[in-house]
Amino acid sequence: MPPAVIIPTYNERENIALLIGELHTYLPELYIVTVDDNSPDGTGALLDNLAARDARVFPIHRPAKLGLGTAHITGIKLALTKGCEPILTMDADFSHAPRHVPEMLRATQKYDLVIGSRYAPGGGTLNCTISRKLLSRSANLFARTMLGLDAADATAGFRAYRRTVLESIELDLIKSDGYSFLIEFLYQCQKHGWRVGEVPIIFQDRLRGKSKISRQEIYKALGTVLRLRMEKGRLVSQKLPFHSQT
């Protein structure tokens, strides 16, 4: 079964063709599933043109910006129907370097979920502002402390999943639709007892285009962590098992 990568896009015309080309230099067999939210810059049309020439590219079009979380779920569902294994997720702006993908796929032989981690030993960031670094560190510390998450980089969207992980979780019951989806999905994976591993990466701030993270997304993430913390508390009070494994 071929591996696949899910790439949500919104106004990524400057990046997406270059990214797909670089991914295929590392993994020629890789299926590329893009989920475009009606980008005004013509990203969707460009992806259709790429798909017409390359059978490994599968563009999905949505009518409007519907959130990162639902984009991941939509792409994952298609990759599962194609029989793909493992299934990765990554950003379209080169902040997640394609050179890390082969190592992440190799790590799925040992782990059920592999995170491309800025904060694992050997990882780091490049060209990020001090404020962005502080925000990322604070968000990770808050999520890990409140939810007992073991991963050093709990908010990372650069991930590789085994099929069994994705098939074990009811994707449509995930409530988060934005970047907080990443925290909630990791929480669910750890709750189900799946083995979580991390591969160190160098995260590079985007060179082209604009960041999609808004103040509203930050507030949503805080609300998601608090909601999950309350859920976890109810599980503990009911003496139900909460598995943690790395």
C-alpha atoms as a PDB file:
ATOM      1  CA  MET A   1       0.000   0.000   0.000  1.00  0.00           C
ATOM      2  CA  PRO A   2       1.402   3.443  -0.861  1.00  0.00           C
ATOM      3  CA  PRO A   3       1.916   6.077   1.825  1.00  0.00           C
ATOM      4  CA  ALA A   4      -0.090   9.285   1.570  1.00  0.00           C
ATOM      5  CA  VAL A   5       0.222  12.831   2.863  1.00  0.00           C
ATOM      6  CA  ILE A   6      -2.683  15.163   3.607  1.00  0.00           C
ATOM      7  CA  ILE A   7      -1.958  18.828   2.835  1.00  0.00           C
ATOM      8  CA  PRO A   8      -4.624  21.452   3.629  1.00  0.00           C
ATOM      9  CA  THR A   9      -4.296  24.526   1.409  1.00  0.00           C
ATOM     10  CA  TYR A  10      -5.568  28.086   1.421  1.00  0.00           C
ATOM     11  CA  ASN A  11      -3.793  30.613  -0.802  1.00  0.00           C
ATOM     12  CA  GLU A  12      -0.737  28.394  -1.294  1.00  0.00           C
ATOM     13  CA  ARG A  13      -0.305  28.810  -5.055  1.00  0.00           C
ATOM     14  CA  GLU A  14       3.294  29.972  -4.536  1.00  0.00           C
ATOM     15  CA  ASN A  15       4.218  26.866  -2.555  1.00  0.00           C
ATOM     16  CA  ILE A  16       2.159  23.818  -3.413  1.00  0.00           C
ATOM     17  CA  ALA A  17       3.630  22.745  -6.776  1.00  0.00           C
ATOM     18  CA  LEU A  18       7.173  23.130  -5.430  1.00  0.00           C
ATOM     19  CA  LEU A  19       6.253  21.168  -2.297  1.00  0.00           C
ATOM     20  CA  ILE A  20       4.688  18.299  -4.240  1.00  0.00           C
ATOM     21  CA  GLY A  21       7.707  18.104  -6.523  1.00  0.00           C
ATOM     22  CA  GLU A  22      10.117  17.973  -3.590  1.00  0.00           C
ATOM     23  CA  LEU A  23       8.059  15.346  -1.777  1.00  0.00           C
ATOM     24  CA  HIS A  24       8.187  13.122  -4.847  1.00  0.00           C
ATOM     25  CA  THR A  25      11.967  13.431  -5.070  1.00  0.00           C
ATOM     26  CA  TYR A  26      12.140  11.760  -1.645  1.00  0.00           C
ATOM     27  CA  LEU A  27       9.210   9.352  -2.098  1.00  0.00           C
ATOM     28  CA  PRO A  28       8.129   8.825  -5.721  1.00  0.00           C
ATOM     29  CA  GLU A  29       5.305   6.486  -4.647  1.00  0.00           C
ATOM     30  CA  LEU A  30       3.735   9.025  -2.241  1.00  0.00           C
ATOM     31  CA  TYR A  31       0.067   9.887  -2.787  1.00  0.00           C
ATOM     32  CA  ILE A  32      -0.622  13.608  -2.311  1.00  0.00           C
ATOM     33  CA  VAL A  33      -4.116  14.438  -1.012  1.00  0.00           C
ATOM     34  CA  THR A  34      -4.760  18.182  -0.953  1.00  0.00           C
ATOM     35  CA  VAL A  35      -7.782  19.811   0.662  1.00  0.00           C
ATOM     36  CA  ASP A  36      -8.324  23.319  -0.673  1.00  0.00           C
ATOM     37  CA  ASP A  37     -10.812  25.688   0.931  1.00  0.00           C
ATOM     38  CA  ASN A  38     -11.722  27.717  -2.164  1.00  0.00           C
ATOM     39  CA  SER A  39      -8.460  29.684  -2.252  1.00  0.00           C
ATOM     40  CA  PRO A  40      -8.944  33.078  -3.945  1.00  0.00           C
ATOM     41  CA  ASP A  41      -5.423  32.937  -5.399  1.00  0.00           C
ATOM     42  CA  GLY A  42      -6.206  29.981  -7.688  1.00  0.00           C
ATOM     43  CA  THR A  43      -4.552  27.226  -5.655  1.00  0.00           C
ATOM     44  CA  GLY A  44      -7.425  24.869  -6.405  1.00  0.00           C
ATOM     45  CA  ALA A  45      -7.190  25.321 -10.189  1.00  0.00           C
ATOM     46  CA  LEU A  46      -3.438  24.779 -10.048  1.00  0.00           C
ATOM     47  CA  LEU A  47      -3.953  21.532  -8.131  1.00  0.00           C
ATOM     48  CA  ASP A  48      -6.461  20.328 -10.725  1.00  0.00           C
ATOM     49  CA  ASN A  49      -3.880  20.958 -13.446  1.00  0.00           C
ATOM     50  CA  LEU A  50      -1.250  19.032 -11.488  1.00  0.00           C
ATOM     51  CA  ALA A  51      -3.653  16.130 -10.911  1.00  0.00           C
ATOM     52  CA  ALA A  52      -4.468  15.966 -14.636  1.00  0.00           C
ATOM     53  CA  ARG A  53      -0.788  15.233 -15.300  1.00  0.00           C
ATOM     54  CA  ASP A  54       0.025  13.171 -12.211  1.00  0.00           C
ATOM     55  CA  ALA A  55      -2.086  10.243 -10.992  1.00  0.00           C
ATOM     56  CA  ARG A  56      -0.496  10.486  -7.543  1.00  0.00           C
ATOM     57  CA  VAL A  57      -2.180  13.844  -6.809  1.00  0.00           C
ATOM     58  CA  PHE A  58      -5.747  13.859  -5.434  1.00  0.00           C
ATOM     59  CA  PRO A  59      -7.238  17.341  -4.977  1.00  0.00           C
ATOM     60  CA  ILE A  60     -10.312  17.874  -2.804  1.00  0.00           C
ATOM     61  CA  HIS A  61     -12.221  21.165  -3.090  1.00  0.00           C
ATOM     62  CA  ARG A  62     -14.355  22.686  -0.357  1.00  0.00           C
ATOM     63  CA  PRO A  63     -16.617  25.746  -0.737  1.00  0.00           C
ATOM     64  CA  ALA A  64     -15.061  27.918   1.993  1.00  0.00           C
ATOM     65  CA  LYS A  65     -12.608  27.991   4.889  1.00  0.00           C
ATOM     66  CA  LEU A  66     -13.911  25.205   7.118  1.00  0.00           C
ATOM     67  CA  GLY A  67     -10.934  24.720   9.430  1.00  0.00           C
ATOM     68  CA  LEU A  68      -7.712  22.755   9.609  1.00  0.00           C
ATOM     69  CA  GLY A  69      -9.230  19.918  11.625  1.00  0.00           C
ATOM     70  CA  THR A  70     -12.016  19.123   9.192  1.00  0.00           C
ATOM     71  CA  ALA A  71      -9.525  19.415   6.312  1.00  0.00           C
ATOM     72  CA  HIS A  72      -7.366  16.734   7.934  1.00  0.00           C
ATOM     73  CA  ILE A  73     -10.370  14.493   8.507  1.00  0.00           C
ATOM     74  CA  THR A  74     -11.615  14.916   4.929  1.00  0.00           C
ATOM     75  CA  GLY A  75      -8.188  14.093   3.513  1.00  0.00           C
ATOM     76  CA  ILE A  76      -7.636  11.161   5.856  1.00  0.00           C
ATOM     77  CA  LYS A  77     -10.943   9.590   4.856  1.00  0.00           C
ATOM     78  CA  LEU A  78      -9.979   9.709   1.188  1.00  0.00           C
ATOM     79  CA  ALA A  79      -6.519   8.272   1.875  1.00  0.00           C
ATOM     80  CA  LEU A  80      -8.089   5.413   3.828  1.00  0.00           C
ATOM     81  CA  THR A  81     -10.368   4.569   0.900  1.00  0.00           C
ATOM     82  CA  LYS A  82      -7.273   4.456  -1.336  1.00  0.00           C
ATOM     83  CA  GLY A  83      -5.721   1.864   0.973  1.00  0.00           C
ATOM     84  CA  CYS A  84      -2.817   4.112   1.977  1.00  0.00           C
ATOM     85  CA  GLU A  85      -0.403   3.256   4.798  1.00  0.00           C
ATOM     86  CA  PRO A  86       1.014   5.163   6.629  1.00  0.00           C
ATOM     87  CA  ILE A  87      -0.833   8.486   6.353  1.00  0.00           C
ATOM     88  CA  LEU A  88       0.947  11.764   7.046  1.00  0.00           C
ATOM     89  CA  THR A  89      -0.244  15.315   7.597  1.00  0.00           C
ATOM     90  CA  MET A  90       1.808  18.428   6.936  1.00  0.00           C
ATOM     91  CA  ASP A  91       1.564  22.131   6.109  1.00  0.00           C
ATOM     92  CA  ALA A  92       1.796  23.500   2.582  1.00  0.00           C
ATOM     93  CA  ASP A  93       4.223  26.345   3.300  1.00  0.00           C
ATOM     94  CA  PHE A  94       7.529  24.426   3.661  1.00  0.00           C
ATOM     95  CA  SER A  95       7.584  24.930   7.443  1.00  0.00           C
ATOM     96  CA  HIS A  96       7.570  21.123   7.458  1.00  0.00           C
ATOM     97  CA  ALA A  97      10.530  20.108   5.303  1.00  0.00           C
ATOM     98  CA  PRO A  98       9.962  17.138   2.954  1.00  0.00           C
ATOM     99  CA  ARG A  99      13.424  15.783   3.813  1.00  0.00           C
ATOM    100  CA  HIS A 100      12.065  14.664   7.191  1.00  0.00           C
ATOM    101  CA  VAL A 101       9.294  12.504   5.689  1.00  0.00           C
ATOM    102  CA  PRO A 102      11.326   9.317   5.011  1.00  0.00           C
ATOM    103  CA  GLU A 103      12.600   9.208   8.593  1.00  0.00           C
ATOM    104  CA  MET A 104       9.096   9.740   9.953  1.00  0.00           C
ATOM    105  CA  LEU A 105       7.783   6.879   7.836  1.00  0.00           C
ATOM    106  CA  ARG A 106      10.556   4.598   9.055  1.00  0.00           C
ATOM    107  CA  ALA A 107       9.644   5.476  12.638  1.00  0.00           C
ATOM    108  CA  THR A 108       6.088   4.156  12.105  1.00  0.00           C
ATOM    109  CA  GLN A 109       7.619   0.675  12.165  1.00  0.00           C
ATOM    110  CA  LYS A 110       8.123   1.255  15.901  1.00  0.00           C
ATOM    111  CA  TYR A 111       5.401   3.765  16.801  1.00  0.00           C
ATOM    112  CA  ASP A 112       1.723   4.090  15.927  1.00  0.00           C
ATOM    113  CA  LEU A 113       1.874   7.886  15.705  1.00  0.00           C
ATOM    114  CA  VAL A 114       5.066   9.765  14.849  1.00  0.00           C
ATOM    115  CA  ILE A 115       5.349  13.510  15.398  1.00  0.00           C
ATOM    116  CA  GLY A 116       7.835  15.695  13.527  1.00  0.00           C
ATOM    117  CA  SER A 117       8.943  17.516  16.648  1.00  0.00           C
ATOM    118  CA  ARG A 118      10.594  20.896  17.178  1.00  0.00           C
ATOM    119  CA  TYR A 119      11.190  20.069  20.814  1.00  0.00           C
ATOM    120  CA  ALA A 120      12.609  16.549  20.682  1.00  0.00           C
ATOM    121  CA  PRO A 121      16.410  16.426  21.192  1.00  0.00           C
ATOM    122  CA  GLY A 122      17.982  17.607  17.936  1.00  0.00           C
ATOM    123  CA  GLY A 123      14.906  19.565  16.818  1.00  0.00           C
ATOM    124  CA  GLY A 124      14.526  23.314  16.563  1.00  0.00           C
ATOM    125  CA  THR A 125      13.100  26.307  14.723  1.00  0.00           C
ATOM    126  CA  LEU A 126      14.437  28.629  12.038  1.00  0.00           C
ATOM    127  CA  ASN A 127      13.472  32.232  11.238  1.00  0.00           C
ATOM    128  CA  CYS A 128      10.691  32.314  13.840  1.00  0.00           C
ATOM    129  CA  THR A 129      10.098  35.477  15.843  1.00  0.00           C
ATOM    130  CA  ILE A 130      10.613  35.481  19.596  1.00  0.00           C
ATOM    131  CA  SER A 131       6.885  36.069  20.127  1.00  0.00           C
ATOM    132  CA  ARG A 132       5.989  33.051  17.991  1.00  0.00           C
ATOM    133  CA  LYS A 133       8.481  30.870  19.846  1.00  0.00           C
ATOM    134  CA  LEU A 134       7.050  31.976  23.189  1.00  0.00           C
ATOM    135  CA  LEU A 135       3.502  31.343  21.994  1.00  0.00           C
ATOM    136  CA  SER A 136       4.386  27.842  20.790  1.00  0.00           C
ATOM    137  CA  ARG A 137       6.262  26.942  23.964  1.00  0.00           C
ATOM    138  CA  SER A 138       3.457  28.271  26.164  1.00  0.00           C
ATOM    139  CA  ALA A 139       0.745  26.445  24.204  1.00  0.00           C
ATOM    140  CA  ASN A 140       2.670  23.180  24.422  1.00  0.00           C
ATOM    141  CA  LEU A 141       3.336  23.534  28.134  1.00  0.00           C
ATOM    142  CA  PHE A 142      -0.315  24.353  28.808  1.00  0.00           C
ATOM    143  CA  ALA A 143      -1.640  21.413  26.755  1.00  0.00           C
ATOM    144  CA  ARG A 144       0.860  18.925  28.144  1.00  0.00           C
ATOM    145  CA  THR A 145       0.304  19.985  31.746  1.00  0.00           C
ATOM    146  CA  MET A 146      -3.486  20.107  31.588  1.00  0.00           C
ATOM    147  CA  LEU A 147      -3.958  16.877  29.624  1.00  0.00           C
ATOM    148  CA  GLY A 148      -0.955  14.809  30.682  1.00  0.00           C
ATOM    149  CA  LEU A 149       0.317  14.545  27.111  1.00  0.00           C
ATOM    150  CA  ASP A 150       3.696  12.876  26.781  1.00  0.00           C
ATOM    151  CA  ALA A 151       4.813  14.325  23.445  1.00  0.00           C
ATOM    152  CA  ALA A 152       7.200  17.274  23.674  1.00  0.00           C
ATOM    153  CA  ASP A 153       5.547  18.897  20.642  1.00  0.00           C
ATOM    154  CA  ALA A 154       1.843  18.434  21.274  1.00  0.00           C
ATOM    155  CA  THR A 155       0.718  21.148  18.838  1.00  0.00           C
ATOM    156  CA  ALA A 156       2.681  19.949  15.796  1.00  0.00           C
ATOM    157  CA  GLY A 157       0.777  19.220  12.594  1.00  0.00           C
ATOM    158  CA  PHE A 158       3.629  17.266  10.992  1.00  0.00           C
ATOM    159  CA  ARG A 159       2.621  13.684  11.775  1.00  0.00           C
ATOM    160  CA  ALA A 160       2.590  10.138  10.457  1.00  0.00           C
ATOM    161  CA  TYR A 161      -0.161   7.720  11.488  1.00  0.00           C
ATOM    162  CA  ARG A 162      -0.625   4.012  11.053  1.00  0.00           C
ATOM    163  CA  ARG A 163      -3.989   3.092   9.535  1.00  0.00           C
ATOM    164  CA  THR A 164      -5.044   1.271  12.698  1.00  0.00           C
ATOM    165  CA  VAL A 165      -4.776   4.496  14.684  1.00  0.00           C
ATOM    166  CA  LEU A 166      -7.012   6.433  12.307  1.00  0.00           C
ATOM    167  CA  GLU A 167      -9.501   3.572  12.062  1.00  0.00           C
ATOM    168  CA  SER A 168      -9.751   3.263  15.862  1.00  0.00           C
ATOM    169  CA  ILE A 169     -10.925   6.836  16.441  1.00  0.00           C
ATOM    170  CA  GLU A 170     -14.351   8.112  15.408  1.00  0.00           C
ATOM    171  CA  LEU A 171     -13.131  10.998  13.296  1.00  0.00           C
ATOM    172  CA  ASP A 172     -16.518  12.681  12.989  1.00  0.00           C
ATOM    173  CA  LEU A 173     -16.774  12.949  16.784  1.00  0.00           C
ATOM    174  CA  ILE A 174     -13.691  15.191  17.008  1.00  0.00           C
ATOM    175  CA  LYS A 175     -15.172  18.562  17.983  1.00  0.00           C
ATOM    176  CA  SER A 176     -12.259  20.872  17.175  1.00  0.00           C
ATOM    177  CA  ASP A 177     -12.189  22.315  13.679  1.00  0.00           C
ATOM    178  CA  GLY A 178      -9.112  24.563  13.758  1.00  0.00           C
ATOM    179  CA  TYR A 179      -5.531  24.158  14.918  1.00  0.00           C
ATOM    180  CA  SER A 180      -6.803  22.901  18.271  1.00  0.00           C
ATOM    181  CA  PHE A 181      -7.746  19.723  16.372  1.00  0.00           C
ATOM    182  CA  LEU A 182      -4.072  18.747  16.619  1.00  0.00           C
ATOM    183  CA  ILE A 183      -4.211  18.776  20.407  1.00  0.00           C
ATOM    184  CA  GLU A 184      -7.525  16.933  20.590  1.00  0.00           C
ATOM    185  CA  PHE A 185      -6.453  14.243  18.152  1.00  0.00           C
ATOM    186  CA  LEU A 186      -3.209  13.617  20.030  1.00  0.00           C
ATOM    187  CA  TYR A 187      -5.215  13.417  23.251  1.00  0.00           C
ATOM    188  CA  GLN A 188      -7.486  10.797  21.690  1.00  0.00           C
ATOM    189  CA  CYS A 189      -4.520   8.778  20.404  1.00  0.00           C
ATOM    190  CA  GLN A 190      -2.893   8.716  23.833  1.00  0.00           C
ATOM    191  CA  LYS A 191      -6.243   7.955  25.459  1.00  0.00           C
ATOM    192  CA  HIS A 192      -6.555   4.876  23.233  1.00  0.00           C
ATOM    193  CA  GLY A 193      -3.104   3.707  24.307  1.00  0.00           C
ATOM    194  CA  TRP A 194      -1.326   4.121  20.981  1.00  0.00           C
ATOM    195  CA  ARG A 195       2.467   4.374  20.992  1.00  0.00           C
ATOM    196  CA  VAL A 196       3.557   7.943  20.308  1.00  0.00           C
ATOM    197  CA  GLY A 197       7.083   8.716  19.112  1.00  0.00           C
ATOM    198  CA  GLU A 198       8.864  11.867  17.972  1.00  0.00           C
ATOM    199  CA  VAL A 199      11.398  12.543  15.227  1.00  0.00           C
ATOM    200  CA  PRO A 200      13.379  15.773  15.584  1.00  0.00           C
ATOM    201  CA  ILE A 201      12.816  18.311  12.800  1.00  0.00           C
ATOM    202  CA  ILE A 202      13.843  21.872  12.040  1.00  0.00           C
ATOM    203  CA  PHE A 203      10.684  23.933  11.715  1.00  0.00           C
ATOM    204  CA  GLN A 204      11.156  26.895   9.379  1.00  0.00           C
ATOM    205  CA  ASP A 205       8.817  29.871   9.328  1.00  0.00           C
ATOM    206  CA  ARG A 206       7.147  30.294   5.944  1.00  0.00           C
ATOM    207  CA  LEU A 207       9.096  32.164   3.270  1.00  0.00           C
ATOM    208  CA  ARG A 208       6.124  32.877   0.970  1.00  0.00           C
ATOM    209  CA  GLY A 209       2.541  33.801   1.837  1.00  0.00           C
ATOM    210  CA  LYS A 210       0.945  34.692   5.148  1.00  0.00           C
ATOM    211  CA  SER A 211       0.440  32.745   8.361  1.00  0.00           C
ATOM    212  CA  LYS A 212      -3.090  31.377   8.916  1.00  0.00           C
ATOM    213  CA  ILE A 213      -2.907  31.409  12.746  1.00  0.00           C
ATOM    214  CA  SER A 214      -5.220  34.063  14.175  1.00  0.00           C
ATOM    215  CA  ARG A 215      -5.972  35.276  17.681  1.00  0.00           C
ATOM    216  CA  GLN A 216      -9.317  33.482  17.418  1.00  0.00           C
ATOM    217  CA  GLU A 217      -7.512  30.185  16.777  1.00  0.00           C
ATOM    218  CA  ILE A 218      -5.448  30.706  19.932  1.00  0.00           C
ATOM    219  CA  TYR A 219      -8.589  31.227  21.999  1.00  0.00           C
ATOM    220  CA  LYS A 220     -10.145  28.120  20.435  1.00  0.00           C
ATOM    221  CA  ALA A 221      -7.098  26.077  21.406  1.00  0.00           C
ATOM    222  CA  LEU A 222      -7.321  27.255  25.014  1.00  0.00           C
ATOM    223  CA  GLY A 223     -11.005  26.355  25.092  1.00  0.00           C
ATOM    224  CA  THR A 224     -10.309  22.916  23.613  1.00  0.00           C
ATOM    225  CA  VAL A 225      -7.695  22.119  26.253  1.00  0.00           C
ATOM    226  CA  LEU A 226     -10.033  23.170  29.052  1.00  0.00           C
ATOM    227  CA  ARG A 227     -12.884  21.101  27.595  1.00  0.00           C
ATOM    228  CA  LEU A 228     -10.691  18.014  27.303  1.00  0.00           C
ATOM    229  CA  ARG A 229      -9.349  18.549  30.821  1.00  0.00           C
ATOM    230  CA  MET A 230     -12.912  18.480  32.142  1.00  0.00           C
ATOM    231  CA  GLU A 231     -13.588  15.330  30.120  1.00  0.00           C
ATOM    232  CA  LYS A 232     -10.491  13.662  31.499  1.00  0.00           C
ATOM    233  CA  GLY A 233     -11.507  14.627  35.007  1.00  0.00           C
ATOM    234  CA  ARG A 234     -14.879  12.962  34.526  1.00  0.00           C
ATOM    235  CA  LEU A 235     -13.179   9.781  33.301  1.00  0.00           C
ATOM    236  CA  VAL A 236     -10.960   9.681  36.377  1.00  0.00           C
ATOM    237  CA  SER A 237     -13.859  10.341  38.737  1.00  0.00           C
ATOM    238  CA  GLN A 238     -15.793   7.487  37.132  1.00  0.00           C
ATOM    239  CA  LYS A 239     -12.696   5.262  37.553  1.00  0.00           C
ATOM    240  CA  LEU A 240     -12.488   4.572  33.841  1.00  0.00           C
ATOM    241  CA  PRO A 241      -9.048   3.688  32.408  1.00  0.00           C
ATOM    242  CA  PHE A 242      -7.035   6.447  30.775  1.00  0.00           C
ATOM    243  CA  HIS A 243      -4.075   4.856  29.012  1.00  0.00           C
ATOM    244  CA  SER A 244      -0.813   6.654  28.373  1.00  0.00           C
ATOM    245  CA  GLN A 245       1.967   5.076  26.357  1.00  0.00           C
ATOM    246  CA  THR A 246       4.944   6.308  24.360  1.00  0.00           C
END
